[in-house]
Amino acid sequence: MVFSNLWRKQPMPFLRLLNHQQDAFLGAPEIFQGVQLGYYGEGTTEGYCIVLSGIVAIVIDPNLWRDLDQFAGATWRLRGSTRGVTVATRYQHWWENLPAVPLISPIDTNRADMLSLLTSPNPPHPLHRPSLAPGAPHGRGPLPPVVAHLPYSTTTDDGEVFYRWEAWPTSRRINQSTNEVSPWTFVSPISEVPFAPTGFAAVSRMALPSFFPAMFRWRINPQFNTSILCGAVVPMFGQSGGGVEACFDQRASNDGPIANPVILDAL
């Protein structure tokens, strides 16, 4: 992946979102599975950043590659039979030691515009960008521009199962206490499971703009007649894409308890 330098004054590559900031991103649509676009800071220290799993801001800067290697060594690059238990603890410990982001807000955009913003040498300030609002199918009201690539709307069949690959062991969009999934959350049908057997395979298949392996796979069994949008994943961010994708455009209730995610190998 090739990204431009988006900052006039560089902060740390990884920043921790505070609780109220996490809530703001939870209320905003996803752009990819587990990925949103944020705008950080003010004045001389500001710019676009990738927000991963609603809790980590990733700033593209020259120190990113060094810190990515440190992240891998502290989290998923593990050995031994206890890796499945240890990895979640290691992720949490790494996150707790990140510096907090002082100011950040979600940006409502689509995938093509996100690609343009992250690769442009001089991305515009978000206040100067035109609003995009494609029409919605069968009278559901305006759809966020992020789902413009999903041209079909339908409802789930009885017993239909979906999966979701995330880059973090705990999910901000899947609530195991209430067995619900937040609206505007992306998933994939069961047919995608053989094509994403590892965390980095999921990043490629879903064309995610993420440096983290999406190695935590959730199983979602929405109730019958749940509204979804669906379509295909196009190549983007140097990834092949080609997967099938769906999006719950309304809050989805799971048919029974939601199990903890399956932990896949990264490679």
Protein backbone atom coordinates (compact mmCIF):
# COMPACT_ATOMS: atom_id res chain seq x y z
CA MET A 1 0.00 0.00 0.00
CA VAL A 2 1.25 3.49 -0.83
CA PHE A 3 -0.09 6.43 1.16
CA SER A 4 0.81 10.08 1.12
CA ASN A 5 2.16 12.01 4.07
CA LEU A 6 -1.06 13.49 5.43
CA TRP A 7 0.31 15.56 8.28
CA ARG A 8 1.94 18.94 8.57
CA LYS A 9 3.29 17.98 11.98
CA GLN A 10 3.53 14.27 12.73
CA PRO A 11 1.97 12.68 15.83
CA MET A 12 2.61 9.07 16.84
CA PRO A 13 1.54 6.48 14.21
CA PHE A 14 -0.87 4.72 16.62
CA LEU A 15 -3.24 6.54 18.95
CA ARG A 16 -5.84 5.24 21.41
CA LEU A 17 -9.44 6.47 21.18
CA LEU A 18 -11.09 7.43 24.46
CA ASN A 19 -14.50 6.09 25.44
CA HIS A 20 -16.52 9.05 24.15
CA GLN A 21 -14.57 8.98 20.88
CA GLN A 22 -15.28 5.27 20.50
CA ASP A 23 -18.98 6.00 21.00
CA ALA A 24 -18.86 8.62 18.22
CA PHE A 25 -17.39 6.10 15.77
CA LEU A 26 -19.81 3.40 16.90
CA GLY A 27 -22.62 5.71 15.81
CA ALA A 28 -21.06 6.26 12.37
CA PRO A 29 -21.22 3.82 9.44
CA GLU A 30 -18.26 1.61 8.64
CA ILE A 31 -16.43 2.08 5.35
CA PHE A 32 -14.89 -1.39 5.32
CA GLN A 33 -15.21 -4.29 7.74
CA GLY A 34 -13.75 -2.84 10.94
CA VAL A 35 -12.39 0.27 9.19
CA GLN A 36 -13.52 3.92 9.28
CA LEU A 37 -12.01 7.25 8.27
CA GLY A 38 -11.27 9.86 10.92
CA TYR A 39 -10.07 13.43 11.04
CA TYR A 40 -7.64 14.11 13.87
CA GLY A 41 -6.57 17.23 15.73
CA GLU A 42 -6.69 20.90 14.94
CA GLY A 43 -4.41 23.74 13.91
CA THR A 44 -0.93 22.64 12.85
CA THR A 45 -1.45 19.01 13.90
CA GLU A 46 -4.36 17.61 11.94
CA GLY A 47 -5.21 15.29 9.10
CA TYR A 48 -6.97 12.15 7.99
CA CYS A 49 -6.33 8.83 9.66
CA ILE A 50 -7.57 5.25 9.51
CA VAL A 51 -9.64 4.19 12.52
CA LEU A 52 -9.40 0.47 13.16
CA SER A 53 -12.09 -1.45 15.07
CA GLY A 54 -13.33 1.87 16.46
CA ILE A 55 -10.51 2.07 19.03
CA VAL A 56 -7.17 2.71 17.26
CA ALA A 57 -6.27 5.67 15.05
CA ILE A 58 -3.53 4.94 12.50
CA VAL A 59 -1.60 7.93 11.22
CA ILE A 60 0.41 7.35 8.05
CA ASP A 61 3.88 8.67 8.80
CA PRO A 62 7.54 7.57 8.37
CA ASN A 63 7.58 5.86 11.78
CA LEU A 64 4.63 3.64 10.92
CA TRP A 65 6.68 0.76 9.52
CA ARG A 66 8.91 0.63 12.58
CA ASP A 67 5.95 0.72 14.95
CA LEU A 68 4.08 -1.91 12.91
CA ASP A 69 6.94 -4.32 13.50
CA GLN A 70 6.82 -3.56 17.22
CA PHE A 71 3.04 -4.11 17.21
CA ALA A 72 3.38 -7.51 15.53
CA GLY A 73 6.02 -8.64 18.00
CA ALA A 74 3.83 -7.58 20.91
CA THR A 75 0.57 -9.15 19.68
CA TRP A 76 0.04 -11.76 16.94
CA ARG A 77 3.59 -12.94 16.28
CA LEU A 78 3.41 -15.54 19.04
CA ARG A 79 4.45 -19.14 19.61
CA GLY A 80 3.09 -22.00 21.70
CA SER A 81 -0.22 -23.71 22.42
CA THR A 82 -1.57 -20.83 24.56
CA ARG A 83 -1.55 -18.32 21.69
CA GLY A 84 -5.34 -18.27 21.42
CA VAL A 85 -5.66 -17.19 25.05
CA THR A 86 -2.63 -14.91 25.15
CA VAL A 87 -3.23 -12.92 21.99
CA ALA A 88 -6.30 -11.04 23.27
CA THR A 89 -4.46 -10.05 26.44
CA ARG A 90 -1.47 -8.88 24.43
CA TYR A 91 -3.64 -6.79 22.12
CA GLN A 92 -5.29 -5.14 25.11
CA HIS A 93 -1.98 -4.44 26.84
CA TRP A 94 -0.51 -2.92 23.68
CA TRP A 95 -3.58 -0.71 23.22
CA GLU A 96 -3.62 0.50 26.84
CA ASN A 97 -0.06 1.78 26.44
CA LEU A 98 -0.80 3.88 23.35
CA PRO A 99 -1.02 7.67 23.71
CA ALA A 100 -4.59 8.97 23.65
CA VAL A 101 -5.83 10.97 20.68
CA PRO A 102 -6.89 14.43 21.88
CA LEU A 103 -9.49 15.23 19.19
CA ILE A 104 -10.95 13.00 16.49
CA SER A 105 -14.21 12.72 14.58
CA PRO A 106 -15.62 10.26 12.01
CA ILE A 107 -15.75 11.24 8.34
CA ASP A 108 -18.76 10.13 6.29
CA THR A 109 -17.39 9.12 2.90
CA ASN A 110 -17.36 6.26 0.42
CA ARG A 111 -14.62 3.79 -0.45
CA ALA A 112 -13.45 5.52 -3.61
CA ASP A 113 -13.19 8.89 -1.87
CA MET A 114 -11.36 7.31 1.06
CA LEU A 115 -8.82 5.86 -1.37
CA SER A 116 -8.44 9.28 -2.99
CA LEU A 117 -8.04 11.05 0.34
CA LEU A 118 -5.40 8.63 1.61
CA THR A 119 -3.35 8.68 -1.60
CA SER A 120 -3.67 12.34 -2.59
CA PRO A 121 -0.55 14.47 -1.93
CA ASN A 122 -2.73 17.33 -0.67
CA PRO A 123 -6.01 16.00 0.70
CA PRO A 124 -8.64 18.69 1.33
CA HIS A 125 -9.94 19.55 4.77
CA PRO A 126 -13.17 17.58 5.33
CA LEU A 127 -15.25 20.75 5.66
CA HIS A 128 -14.39 21.60 2.04
CA ARG A 129 -15.55 18.29 0.62
CA PRO A 130 -18.93 17.98 -1.15
CA SER A 131 -21.56 15.81 0.48
CA LEU A 132 -22.38 12.54 -1.22
CA ALA A 133 -25.82 11.00 -0.67
CA PRO A 134 -26.98 8.29 -3.08
CA GLY A 135 -30.59 7.24 -3.11
CA ALA A 136 -31.85 4.43 -0.93
CA PRO A 137 -33.74 1.32 -2.06
CA HIS A 138 -37.43 0.79 -1.23
CA GLY A 139 -37.90 3.99 0.77
CA ARG A 140 -35.55 3.40 3.72
CA GLY A 141 -34.32 6.98 3.64
CA PRO A 142 -30.89 8.28 2.61
CA LEU A 143 -28.16 5.67 2.66
CA PRO A 144 -24.67 6.61 3.81
CA PRO A 145 -22.39 7.01 0.79
CA VAL A 146 -20.20 4.23 2.13
CA VAL A 147 -22.64 1.56 0.90
CA ALA A 148 -22.98 2.92 -2.64
CA HIS A 149 -21.01 -0.12 -3.85
CA LEU A 150 -23.72 -2.49 -2.58
CA PRO A 151 -26.45 -2.21 -5.24
CA TYR A 152 -28.86 -4.88 -3.97
CA SER A 153 -31.18 -4.90 -0.99
CA THR A 154 -32.83 -8.00 0.40
CA THR A 155 -33.65 -9.76 3.67
CA THR A 156 -32.02 -12.73 5.36
CA ASP A 157 -33.30 -16.27 5.09
CA ASP A 158 -34.13 -18.42 8.08
CA GLY A 159 -30.90 -19.83 9.51
CA GLU A 160 -28.65 -17.80 7.19
CA VAL A 161 -25.15 -17.25 8.62
CA PHE A 162 -22.69 -14.42 8.06
CA TYR A 163 -19.10 -13.91 9.15
CA ARG A 164 -17.07 -10.87 10.03
CA TRP A 165 -13.29 -10.60 10.11
CA GLU A 166 -11.93 -8.02 12.55
CA ALA A 167 -8.43 -6.87 13.43
CA TRP A 168 -9.13 -6.68 17.16
CA PRO A 169 -10.11 -9.45 19.62
CA THR A 170 -13.04 -7.44 21.03
CA SER A 171 -15.64 -5.82 18.79
CA ARG A 172 -17.25 -2.44 19.27
CA ARG A 173 -20.00 -3.24 16.75
CA ILE A 174 -21.01 -6.68 18.02
CA ASN A 175 -22.68 -6.62 21.43
CA GLN A 176 -22.53 -10.04 23.06
CA SER A 177 -24.57 -8.82 26.04
CA THR A 178 -27.60 -7.97 23.92
CA ASN A 179 -26.74 -10.30 20.97
CA GLU A 180 -27.10 -7.38 18.56
CA VAL A 181 -25.04 -5.92 15.72
CA SER A 182 -24.91 -2.16 15.19
CA PRO A 183 -26.49 -0.71 12.03
CA TRP A 184 -24.22 -0.06 9.05
CA THR A 185 -21.91 -2.95 9.96
CA PHE A 186 -20.30 -5.05 7.22
CA VAL A 187 -20.27 -8.85 7.12
CA SER A 188 -19.74 -11.57 4.50
CA PRO A 189 -21.74 -14.72 3.68
CA ILE A 190 -20.60 -18.20 4.66
CA SER A 191 -19.33 -18.79 1.10
CA GLU A 192 -16.39 -16.46 1.85
CA VAL A 193 -14.97 -18.57 4.71
CA PRO A 194 -12.77 -20.83 2.51
CA PHE A 195 -11.29 -17.77 0.78
CA ALA A 196 -10.20 -16.03 4.00
CA PRO A 197 -8.51 -18.73 6.12
CA THR A 198 -5.99 -16.32 7.70
CA GLY A 199 -5.93 -12.74 8.93
CA PHE A 200 -3.99 -11.35 5.97
CA ALA A 201 -6.08 -13.41 3.52
CA ALA A 202 -9.14 -11.57 4.87
CA VAL A 203 -7.40 -8.20 4.40
CA SER A 204 -6.76 -9.10 0.75
CA ARG A 205 -10.16 -10.64 0.04
CA MET A 206 -12.10 -7.74 1.57
CA ALA A 207 -9.66 -5.12 0.16
CA LEU A 208 -9.16 -3.62 3.61
CA PRO A 209 -6.96 -0.51 4.01
CA SER A 210 -5.48 -2.08 7.13
CA PHE A 211 -1.97 -3.09 8.10
CA PHE A 212 -3.30 -5.35 10.86
CA PRO A 213 -4.29 -8.97 10.08
CA ALA A 214 -8.06 -9.45 10.40
CA MET A 215 -7.58 -12.68 12.36
CA PHE A 216 -10.64 -12.55 14.65
CA ARG A 217 -13.63 -14.11 12.87
CA TRP A 218 -17.14 -13.62 14.27
CA ARG A 219 -20.14 -15.76 13.37
CA ILE A 220 -23.47 -13.90 13.02
CA ASN A 221 -26.81 -15.65 12.63
CA PRO A 222 -29.30 -12.80 12.15
CA GLN A 223 -32.97 -13.36 12.75
CA PHE A 224 -35.17 -14.20 9.79
CA ASN A 225 -36.12 -11.28 7.53
CA THR A 226 -33.32 -8.96 8.69
CA SER A 227 -32.68 -6.19 6.16
CA ILE A 228 -29.30 -6.26 4.38
CA LEU A 229 -27.54 -4.69 1.42
CA CYS A 230 -25.22 -6.88 -0.66
CA GLY A 231 -22.69 -6.77 -3.47
CA ALA A 232 -19.07 -7.46 -4.39
CA VAL A 233 -15.75 -6.13 -3.08
CA VAL A 234 -13.75 -4.34 -5.78
CA PRO A 235 -9.92 -4.15 -5.78
CA MET A 236 -8.65 -1.23 -3.72
CA PHE A 237 -5.64 -0.12 -1.66
CA GLY A 238 -3.41 -2.57 -3.53
CA GLN A 239 -5.58 -5.51 -2.43
CA SER A 240 -7.23 -7.99 -4.78
CA GLY A 241 -10.77 -7.81 -3.41
CA GLY A 242 -13.20 -10.19 -5.09
CA GLY A 243 -15.17 -11.11 -2.00
CA VAL A 244 -18.91 -11.00 -1.46
CA GLU A 245 -20.09 -8.50 1.13
CA ALA A 246 -23.26 -7.54 2.96
CA CYS A 247 -24.20 -4.72 5.29
CA PHE A 248 -26.86 -4.59 8.00
CA ASP A 249 -28.48 -1.24 7.27
CA GLN A 250 -30.50 -1.54 10.50
CA ARG A 251 -29.69 -2.95 13.91
CA ALA A 252 -29.56 -6.74 13.64
CA SER A 253 -30.59 -9.17 16.37
CA ASN A 254 -28.77 -12.48 16.47
CA ASP A 255 -30.72 -15.72 16.72
CA GLY A 256 -29.22 -16.88 20.01
CA PRO A 257 -26.00 -15.94 21.81
CA ILE A 258 -23.05 -14.59 19.82
CA ALA A 259 -19.99 -16.73 20.45
CA ASN A 260 -16.47 -15.36 20.99
CA PRO A 261 -14.53 -14.93 17.75
CA VAL A 262 -12.46 -17.74 16.26
CA ILE A 263 -8.79 -16.73 16.25
CA LEU A 264 -7.15 -17.43 12.89
CA ASP A 265 -3.47 -17.52 12.05
CA ALA A 266 -2.20 -14.19 10.75
CA LEU A 267 -0.24 -15.65 7.83
